[in-house]
Structure formats: C-alpha cells, structure tokens
Amino acid sequence: MRKARNPIASQALAFILLNFFGALTFRGLRFLRLMPDPAPFAKEKIQKILILRPDMVGDVVLVTPLIKNTRENFPQAHIAVVVSGITKDIVSGNPYLNEVIAVSGVGMSNLIKDMPLIKAIRKRQFDLALVAFPAFSCNLFAFLTGVAHRVGYGDRGSRYLLTKPLVLAGFEKRKAHMIDLNLDTLRALGCTVSSRKEYVSVYPDSENNAARFFLDNGIKAGDKAVIMHPGARKTYQLWPVPKFAALADRLIDELKVKVILLKGPVDGDLVEKTIAGMRNKAIAASGFQLKDTISLIKRCDLFIGHSTGTTHIADALGVNTIMLIAFFGSCDSPAVWGTSGPNSVMVTNDTSCGGCIPSDCKDSYCIRGITVEDVFTAAKKQLEKDV
C-alpha cells in the first residue's frame, strides 16, 4: 500500500528550501554589491518605527502590549502600526501611536493590492520594523518598504527577508503566549518590557450608540447585562448552540440577568438558532461596526465567548470575561491564546489528546465537552464579584 503523504512534513521541507535558496540569493546579491549589508543596530538612531499585524481582531488586540512597550523604549520615535482596514478601530485611538496605516490584509494577493502604499512608505525611510505576524507576505512587506532593521519570525520560509530573524520555538512547543511572542521582537533588540497589558480604543460616538441600544432594549440602570457571542471564525472552536441556549435560560431564570446575543459578520445564523432554542427572551445585537461593538462589550457586566477577537476585546477592556477554550497541546491552546486580564477566567476541558491538530479533529470533543454547569458556575462567580 502506498504511504500517505504527510502535509506538515512537506510544508516544513518547503520552508527549509525557501530559506536556503533565499539566503543564497541574498548573499550573492550582497557579494555583487547589488544589495547593501545590514547596518549595525543602534537604538539611539531609531526615529521611525513600523509595527506590522495586518490580520484579525484578536491578533491586533494582543499586539497592543508591544505598541506600549515600543513607545516606552523609543519615547521620541514616530511609531506607526500596520493593520487591516477591518481592525483599525482597535488602535486608531491608541495614545502610544503616531499613525495607523490600514492595508488590505495578509497574503500575496493583498500585498499586490497594497504596492502603491508600500512605495509611499518606502519613500519615508523607516528605521525599524517589528513584524508580529509570521507570514511570508508580512516579512516581504517589511522588506519591500525598505526598512533598515526588520525583526520578526522567519520560520515560514522568509528568514532572509529579516535583518534579525527569530524562531517560533516557543509557539511550536505550545508554551509561549501570543503576547510574549510579540514582545520578543523588542526583547531581541535588548529593549526592556514592563507590561503585558492590552489596550483597546473607545470612541465617544460609539459610547452613545451603546447607551442608546441598552435604553431601546429595556436594559435599565441596576440591571445585570450579559453578552454572549456564540460565534467564532474557526468552526471547530464552537461550543454547541443548544448549550449556549441552555446557559442563557439558566442565567435569566436563576440570576435574573438580561442576555444579549452578539452576532458578528462571519457567524451565520448561530444567534438565531440560539434564540430559537431558548424558553426565555434574549436580545439580539447584530450589524454593529467594530467600534460600536467595543462600546457594547464595555457596557456589559459579563462577556462569554470563545477564543475570538470579541473575547480578547472584553479582556482588554477589563470587563468580567469568560473564555471557552480547549485544544490543549495545540497551537490553539489556552497557553497561546488564553485571556490574561485580572477580570477574566477560562473554562476549559483538557482531554489529553496527543498531537492535537484542531482543524483535523472530527468531533472537537474537548470544546464540546465543556458543560453548561461549568460555564454557569463560572458566570455566577464573575457576576457576584460586583455585588
């Protein structure tokens, strides 16, 4: 019988070959004087800094500690963050930034779309790029913008595009949290790190919109409001809809709270199915812009969701938060993507699966095995903290 091909091993080999031939090409170009050698890094000469994280909502929330620590290490520098147009509201009001540059997103097709912007950035002659997302396209973006010093992770076939490539060893061993991987780009330059605290921008007009939503839906001062987000970008992360419905009913019946079910742009009909499975009435919240969603979450007494951007927003805002997360031993584990704020807890279910690859799992028993009682008990404790 013919042995099945291992896609992970094939991918790893492709990355090794890309790094080898890329490094060989760059060495040849430098030998022929067609490309300059990397200049020695001098912290005192850094005047313009790019921080790159052009992907999803939660990823951008988790890069905000890097923004703050970069400002503390380079207080006089012009610091710009490169994010996607979808996530710019997370950082547009960040006090540690001078500029937010919105791009099309991650991937080579988006890189091609952004070529006019890349050329414009190149003319501005940035000194340092901290590439927090280990994608080939992100490292190529930093290289094409002509930034003198480029720090990031080059394991995925792009080490030669960086002047100081780091290794994702901690991530691959499922031990390093994404916040720390981001901060390691600073530590690699000998910079100090003082805080892991996240920061999410809040806007006055959105605060008014959230207040109006509460008022229009009969949520008065003194009412306890619980926001539940039953969706997630990755379907294997989903806790079952019937459990969300049962949890919402228990919260309403036993704790007398108002339940808001938050619907995001990729959640399909999960909110409608949850409401259909409930005995009690819940409030549906959909169609909000990201900045309005931030204010809606900020106003609630408890947020319950998966390992997604909205849960990380709640955690960053200091809201009482419950994250439903499992997948121990994988790159989606609590050790990598868990909450970190003082008002957050994680409800988990460790099934001790060996060599966990969540996207290949047929039943996702770990996340599905979390019980309604587990989450209700955690919710009750979270809400009692404010009594």
Protein backbone atom coordinates (compact mmCIF):
# COMPACT_ATOMS: atom_id res chain seq x y z
CA MET A 1 0.00 0.00 0.00
CA ARG A 2 1.26 3.45 -0.88
CA LYS A 3 2.14 5.51 2.20
CA ALA A 4 0.09 8.68 2.71
CA ARG A 5 1.95 11.92 2.26
CA ASN A 6 2.50 13.99 5.40
CA PRO A 7 1.43 17.57 4.54
CA ILE A 8 3.10 19.05 7.64
CA ALA A 9 6.45 17.44 6.78
CA SER A 10 6.11 18.60 3.16
CA GLN A 11 5.38 22.14 4.29
CA ALA A 12 8.35 22.14 6.68
CA LEU A 13 10.63 20.97 3.86
CA ALA A 14 9.30 23.72 1.59
CA PHE A 15 10.08 26.34 4.26
CA ILE A 16 13.62 24.98 4.69
CA LEU A 17 14.24 25.12 0.94
CA LEU A 18 12.79 28.64 0.68
CA ASN A 19 15.06 29.87 3.47
CA PHE A 20 18.11 28.14 2.00
CA PHE A 21 17.71 29.43 -1.55
CA GLY A 22 16.54 32.84 -0.38
CA ALA A 23 19.60 33.25 1.83
CA LEU A 24 21.85 32.06 -1.01
CA THR A 25 20.31 34.58 -3.41
CA PHE A 26 20.64 37.45 -0.96
CA ARG A 27 24.25 36.52 -0.22
CA GLY A 28 25.01 36.60 -3.94
CA LEU A 29 23.34 39.97 -4.37
CA ARG A 30 25.37 41.39 -1.48
CA PHE A 31 28.58 39.92 -2.91
CA LEU A 32 27.85 41.65 -6.24
CA ARG A 33 27.12 44.92 -4.37
CA LEU A 34 23.55 44.90 -5.66
CA MET A 35 22.21 44.85 -2.10
CA PRO A 36 23.75 46.52 0.96
CA ASP A 37 24.80 44.54 4.03
CA PRO A 38 22.53 45.02 7.07
CA ALA A 39 23.66 48.02 9.12
CA PRO A 40 24.55 47.56 12.81
CA PHE A 41 21.58 48.26 15.07
CA ALA A 42 21.90 51.42 17.20
CA LYS A 43 18.91 52.10 19.42
CA GLU A 44 19.64 55.82 19.69
CA LYS A 45 19.39 56.25 15.92
CA ILE A 46 15.87 54.83 15.59
CA GLN A 47 13.44 57.61 14.66
CA LYS A 48 10.67 55.89 12.67
CA ILE A 49 9.13 52.51 13.58
CA LEU A 50 6.62 50.24 11.84
CA ILE A 51 4.72 47.57 13.78
CA LEU A 52 3.02 45.05 11.49
CA ARG A 53 -0.06 42.97 12.44
CA PRO A 54 -2.44 43.13 9.44
CA ASP A 55 -4.70 40.20 10.30
CA MET A 56 -7.66 39.55 12.64
CA VAL A 57 -9.30 41.37 15.56
CA GLY A 58 -7.93 39.26 18.41
CA ASP A 59 -4.43 39.30 16.91
CA VAL A 60 -4.43 43.11 16.87
CA VAL A 61 -5.68 43.30 20.48
CA LEU A 62 -2.79 41.04 21.50
CA VAL A 63 -0.23 43.24 19.72
CA THR A 64 -1.18 46.34 21.76
CA PRO A 65 1.23 45.50 24.62
CA LEU A 66 4.01 45.61 22.01
CA ILE A 67 2.86 49.08 20.96
CA LYS A 68 3.00 50.41 24.53
CA ASN A 69 6.39 48.87 25.28
CA THR A 70 7.80 50.16 21.99
CA ARG A 71 6.77 53.68 22.99
CA GLU A 72 8.46 53.28 26.38
CA ASN A 73 11.70 52.17 24.72
CA PHE A 74 11.58 54.78 21.94
CA PRO A 75 9.78 57.77 23.53
CA GLN A 76 10.72 60.25 20.78
CA ALA A 77 10.16 58.00 17.77
CA HIS A 78 7.36 58.20 15.23
CA ILE A 79 5.52 54.88 15.69
CA ALA A 80 3.10 53.61 13.04
CA VAL A 81 1.13 50.38 13.16
CA VAL A 82 0.14 48.49 10.01
CA VAL A 83 -3.23 46.75 10.41
CA SER A 84 -6.05 45.72 8.10
CA GLY A 85 -8.88 48.11 7.35
CA ILE A 86 -11.19 45.77 9.28
CA THR A 87 -9.28 46.14 12.57
CA LYS A 88 -8.12 49.75 12.52
CA ASP A 89 -10.73 50.86 15.09
CA ILE A 90 -8.95 48.80 17.75
CA VAL A 91 -5.88 51.06 17.55
CA SER A 92 -6.97 54.35 15.96
CA GLY A 93 -7.26 55.99 19.37
CA ASN A 94 -4.18 54.36 20.89
CA PRO A 95 -2.20 57.05 22.80
CA TYR A 96 1.14 55.33 22.17
CA LEU A 97 0.86 55.62 18.38
CA ASN A 98 1.52 58.44 15.96
CA GLU A 99 -0.10 56.79 12.97
CA VAL A 100 -2.33 53.91 11.86
CA ILE A 101 -1.75 52.56 8.35
CA ALA A 102 -4.62 50.44 7.03
CA VAL A 103 -3.79 47.79 4.42
CA SER A 104 -5.82 45.17 2.55
CA GLY A 105 -4.78 42.29 4.82
CA VAL A 106 -2.48 39.27 4.83
CA GLY A 107 -1.42 37.24 1.78
CA MET A 108 0.29 37.80 -1.53
CA SER A 109 -2.85 38.99 -3.35
CA ASN A 110 -3.35 41.71 -0.73
CA LEU A 111 0.36 42.59 -0.93
CA ILE A 112 -0.04 43.24 -4.65
CA LYS A 113 -3.07 45.46 -3.98
CA ASP A 114 -1.01 47.43 -1.45
CA MET A 115 2.00 48.06 -3.72
CA PRO A 116 1.25 51.81 -4.14
CA LEU A 117 1.11 52.13 -0.34
CA ILE A 118 4.34 50.15 0.03
CA LYS A 119 6.08 52.52 -2.38
CA ALA A 120 4.81 55.53 -0.40
CA ILE A 121 6.09 54.05 2.88
CA ARG A 122 9.45 53.29 1.27
CA LYS A 123 9.94 56.98 0.48
CA ARG A 124 9.53 57.80 4.19
CA GLN A 125 12.60 55.73 5.16
CA PHE A 126 11.52 53.94 8.34
CA ASP A 127 14.34 52.70 10.57
CA LEU A 128 12.80 49.69 12.33
CA ALA A 129 10.03 47.18 11.60
CA LEU A 130 8.65 44.83 14.25
CA VAL A 131 6.79 42.12 12.34
CA ALA A 132 4.45 40.44 14.81
CA PHE A 133 2.77 38.08 12.33
CA PRO A 134 4.99 35.27 10.97
CA ALA A 135 3.53 35.28 7.47
CA PHE A 136 5.75 35.36 4.39
CA SER A 137 3.73 38.27 2.99
CA CYS A 138 4.25 40.36 6.15
CA ASN A 139 8.03 39.88 6.12
CA LEU A 140 8.06 40.66 2.40
CA PHE A 141 6.00 43.81 3.10
CA ALA A 142 8.65 44.97 5.59
CA PHE A 143 11.45 44.18 3.13
CA LEU A 144 9.79 45.99 0.21
CA THR A 145 9.20 49.12 2.30
CA GLY A 146 12.98 49.37 2.66
CA VAL A 147 13.01 49.45 6.47
CA ALA A 148 16.64 49.28 7.63
CA HIS A 149 16.13 46.92 10.59
CA ARG A 150 13.49 44.18 10.31
CA VAL A 151 12.73 41.93 13.31
CA GLY A 152 10.27 39.06 13.13
CA TYR A 153 9.74 35.32 12.73
CA GLY A 154 11.17 33.76 9.59
CA ASP A 155 10.42 30.08 10.14
CA ARG A 156 7.87 30.02 7.32
CA GLY A 157 10.36 30.48 4.51
CA SER A 158 11.28 34.14 4.95
CA ARG A 159 14.27 34.38 7.33
CA TYR A 160 16.39 36.07 4.66
CA LEU A 161 13.88 38.95 4.40
CA LEU A 162 14.63 39.94 8.01
CA THR A 163 17.75 41.51 9.44
CA LYS A 164 17.08 39.84 12.81
CA PRO A 165 15.04 36.67 12.31
CA LEU A 166 13.59 34.97 15.38
CA VAL A 167 12.46 31.37 15.82
CA LEU A 168 8.93 30.27 16.69
CA ALA A 169 10.23 27.54 19.00
CA GLY A 170 8.04 28.60 21.93
CA PHE A 171 4.94 28.68 19.74
CA GLU A 172 5.64 25.34 18.11
CA LYS A 173 6.10 23.77 21.57
CA ARG A 174 2.73 25.24 22.62
CA LYS A 175 4.22 27.17 25.53
CA ALA A 176 4.55 30.82 24.51
CA HIS A 177 1.56 33.15 24.65
CA MET A 178 0.99 35.32 21.59
CA ILE A 179 1.56 38.48 23.67
CA ASP A 180 5.02 37.24 24.62
CA LEU A 181 5.88 36.23 21.07
CA ASN A 182 5.06 39.78 20.02
CA LEU A 183 7.11 41.27 22.86
CA ASP A 184 10.06 39.06 21.97
CA THR A 185 10.62 41.19 18.86
CA LEU A 186 11.54 44.02 21.25
CA ARG A 187 13.47 41.84 23.66
CA ALA A 188 15.61 40.63 20.76
CA LEU A 189 16.91 44.20 20.40
CA GLY A 190 17.90 44.43 24.06
CA CYS A 191 14.85 46.52 24.93
CA THR A 192 13.02 46.27 28.25
CA VAL A 193 9.43 45.08 28.64
CA SER A 194 7.43 46.49 31.55
CA SER A 195 3.86 45.35 30.91
CA ARG A 196 1.67 42.79 29.11
CA LYS A 197 -1.45 44.95 29.44
CA GLU A 198 -3.62 45.30 26.35
CA TYR A 199 -5.32 48.49 25.15
CA VAL A 200 -8.46 48.87 23.02
CA SER A 201 -9.58 52.26 21.72
CA VAL A 202 -13.01 53.58 22.76
CA TYR A 203 -14.90 56.32 20.89
CA PRO A 204 -17.42 58.87 22.29
CA ASP A 205 -19.94 58.39 19.46
CA SER A 206 -19.86 54.63 19.97
CA GLU A 207 -20.38 55.05 23.70
CA ASN A 208 -23.55 56.99 22.87
CA ASN A 209 -24.66 54.29 20.42
CA ALA A 210 -24.18 51.57 23.04
CA ALA A 211 -26.10 53.56 25.65
CA ARG A 212 -28.94 54.01 23.17
CA PHE A 213 -29.00 50.28 22.39
CA PHE A 214 -29.32 49.44 26.09
CA LEU A 215 -32.09 52.01 26.51
CA ASP A 216 -34.00 50.87 23.41
CA ASN A 217 -33.90 47.27 24.64
CA GLY A 218 -35.13 47.99 28.14
CA ILE A 219 -31.83 47.48 29.96
CA LYS A 220 -32.03 49.93 32.86
CA ALA A 221 -29.54 51.13 35.45
CA GLY A 222 -29.15 48.38 38.01
CA ASP A 223 -29.86 45.58 35.52
CA LYS A 224 -27.14 42.97 35.00
CA ALA A 225 -26.31 42.58 31.32
CA VAL A 226 -24.51 39.51 30.00
CA ILE A 227 -23.24 39.46 26.42
CA MET A 228 -22.77 36.04 24.85
CA HIS A 229 -21.06 35.59 21.49
CA PRO A 230 -21.83 32.08 20.16
CA GLY A 231 -19.75 32.54 17.00
CA ALA A 232 -16.10 32.10 16.05
CA ARG A 233 -14.12 32.40 12.84
CA LYS A 234 -12.94 28.77 13.10
CA THR A 235 -15.88 26.39 13.25
CA TYR A 236 -14.01 23.79 15.31
CA GLN A 237 -13.83 26.31 18.16
CA LEU A 238 -17.60 26.44 18.56
CA TRP A 239 -19.34 25.39 21.77
CA PRO A 240 -22.69 23.81 20.78
CA VAL A 241 -25.65 26.12 20.20
CA PRO A 242 -28.01 24.07 22.46
CA LYS A 243 -25.58 24.61 25.33
CA PHE A 244 -25.50 28.36 24.70
CA ALA A 245 -29.32 28.35 24.72
CA ALA A 246 -29.47 26.35 27.96
CA LEU A 247 -26.88 28.60 29.58
CA ALA A 248 -28.76 31.74 28.58
CA ASP A 249 -32.00 30.35 30.06
CA ARG A 250 -30.29 29.50 33.36
CA LEU A 251 -28.70 32.92 33.59
CA ILE A 252 -32.07 34.58 33.06
CA ASP A 253 -34.03 32.23 35.34
CA GLU A 254 -31.60 31.95 38.25
CA LEU A 255 -29.53 35.14 38.14
CA LYS A 256 -32.18 37.48 36.69
CA VAL A 257 -29.85 38.98 34.09
CA LYS A 258 -30.54 40.44 30.65
CA VAL A 259 -28.85 38.35 27.96
CA ILE A 260 -27.56 39.95 24.76
CA LEU A 261 -26.52 37.61 21.94
CA LEU A 262 -23.84 39.23 19.80
CA LYS A 263 -23.68 38.36 16.12
CA GLY A 264 -20.54 39.01 14.08
CA PRO A 265 -20.10 39.19 10.30
CA VAL A 266 -18.97 35.53 9.96
CA ASP A 267 -21.37 33.95 12.47
CA GLY A 268 -24.14 32.92 10.09
CA ASP A 269 -27.39 32.03 11.86
CA LEU A 270 -25.89 30.97 15.21
CA VAL A 271 -27.63 33.76 17.14
CA GLU A 272 -31.00 32.96 15.53
CA LYS A 273 -30.57 29.25 16.35
CA THR A 274 -29.63 30.05 19.94
CA ILE A 275 -32.72 32.25 20.40
CA ALA A 276 -34.91 29.57 18.80
CA GLY A 277 -33.64 27.05 21.35
CA MET A 278 -34.41 29.23 24.38
CA ARG A 279 -37.50 29.38 26.61
CA ASN A 280 -36.78 32.98 27.61
CA LYS A 281 -36.35 36.12 25.57
CA ALA A 282 -32.85 37.28 24.65
CA ILE A 283 -31.74 40.46 22.91
CA ALA A 284 -30.05 40.09 19.51
CA ALA A 285 -27.26 42.52 18.63
CA SER A 286 -26.10 42.44 15.02
CA GLY A 287 -24.84 44.72 12.28
CA PHE A 288 -22.62 46.79 14.57
CA GLN A 289 -19.39 48.40 13.41
CA LEU A 290 -16.34 47.20 15.32
CA LYS A 291 -16.03 50.41 17.34
CA ASP A 292 -19.69 50.15 18.40
CA THR A 293 -19.17 46.51 19.36
CA ILE A 294 -16.29 47.63 21.59
CA SER A 295 -18.56 50.05 23.46
CA LEU A 296 -21.34 47.48 23.71
CA ILE A 297 -18.94 45.00 25.31
CA LYS A 298 -17.53 47.69 27.61
CA ARG A 299 -21.02 48.37 28.96
CA CYS A 300 -21.87 44.79 29.94
CA ASP A 301 -21.36 43.12 33.33
CA LEU A 302 -20.12 39.84 31.88
CA PHE A 303 -18.93 38.66 28.46
CA ILE A 304 -18.94 34.98 27.44
CA GLY A 305 -17.31 33.83 24.22
CA HIS A 306 -14.79 31.58 22.52
CA SER A 307 -11.12 32.22 21.80
CA THR A 308 -12.05 35.04 19.43
CA GLY A 309 -11.47 38.74 18.89
CA THR A 310 -14.54 39.86 20.85
CA THR A 311 -13.43 37.90 23.92
CA HIS A 312 -9.97 39.44 23.73
CA ILE A 313 -11.62 42.87 23.45
CA ALA A 314 -13.62 42.20 26.64
CA ASP A 315 -10.47 41.01 28.41
CA ALA A 316 -8.53 44.11 27.32
CA LEU A 317 -11.34 46.42 28.49
CA GLY A 318 -11.26 44.87 31.96
CA VAL A 319 -14.80 43.52 31.65
CA ASN A 320 -15.63 40.35 33.60
CA THR A 321 -14.91 37.75 30.92
CA ILE A 322 -15.30 34.02 30.40
CA MET A 323 -13.39 32.40 27.53
CA LEU A 324 -14.45 28.92 26.37
CA ILE A 325 -11.27 27.30 25.13
CA ALA A 326 -9.66 23.87 24.93
CA PHE A 327 -7.34 22.22 22.37
CA PHE A 328 -4.54 21.60 24.88
CA GLY A 329 -1.31 20.55 23.20
CA SER A 330 -2.09 22.52 20.04
CA CYS A 331 -1.37 25.96 18.63
CA ASP A 332 -4.93 26.95 19.64
CA SER A 333 -4.39 26.13 23.33
CA PRO A 334 -5.02 28.39 26.35
CA ALA A 335 -1.24 28.72 26.76
CA VAL A 336 -1.04 30.51 23.40
CA TRP A 337 -4.39 32.30 23.02
CA GLY A 338 -5.86 32.46 26.52
CA THR A 339 -7.05 35.57 28.33
CA SER A 340 -4.61 37.38 30.60
CA GLY A 341 -6.54 40.16 32.36
CA PRO A 342 -7.36 40.14 36.09
CA ASN A 343 -11.13 40.02 35.46
CA SER A 344 -11.10 37.07 33.08
CA VAL A 345 -11.35 33.31 33.56
CA MET A 346 -11.05 30.42 31.14
CA VAL A 347 -13.43 27.48 31.21
CA THR A 348 -11.60 24.55 29.67
CA ASN A 349 -11.74 20.80 29.13
CA ASP A 350 -8.42 19.01 28.79
CA THR A 351 -8.96 15.65 27.09
CA SER A 352 -5.18 15.00 26.93
CA CYS A 353 -5.30 14.27 23.22
CA GLY A 354 -1.85 13.58 21.81
CA GLY A 355 -0.63 15.60 18.83
CA CYS A 356 -3.75 17.74 18.68
CA ILE A 357 -4.47 19.38 15.31
CA PRO A 358 -7.88 21.03 15.89
CA SER A 359 -8.66 21.62 12.21
CA ASP A 360 -8.31 17.86 11.56
CA CYS A 361 -10.44 16.78 14.54
CA LYS A 362 -13.74 15.15 13.62
CA ASP A 363 -15.69 15.90 16.82
CA SER A 364 -13.82 18.61 18.80
CA TYR A 365 -14.85 16.76 21.94
CA CYS A 366 -12.67 18.94 24.16
CA ILE A 367 -14.59 22.16 23.48
CA ARG A 368 -17.93 20.37 23.07
CA GLY A 369 -17.38 18.54 26.36
CA ILE A 370 -17.47 21.73 28.42
CA THR A 371 -20.73 21.53 30.37
CA VAL A 372 -23.40 24.17 30.89
CA GLU A 373 -22.86 23.71 34.64
CA ASP A 374 -19.15 24.53 34.22
CA VAL A 375 -19.90 27.82 32.48
CA PHE A 376 -22.87 28.74 34.67
CA THR A 377 -20.78 28.27 37.84
CA ALA A 378 -18.04 30.49 36.42
CA ALA A 379 -20.60 33.10 35.34
CA LYS A 380 -22.22 33.20 38.77
CA LYS A 381 -18.83 33.77 40.43
CA GLN A 382 -17.95 36.51 37.93
CA LEU A 383 -21.22 38.35 38.48
CA GLU A 384 -21.02 38.01 42.28
CA LYS A 385 -17.70 39.87 42.29
CA ASP A 386 -19.56 43.12 41.58
CA VAL A 387 -22.25 42.64 44.25
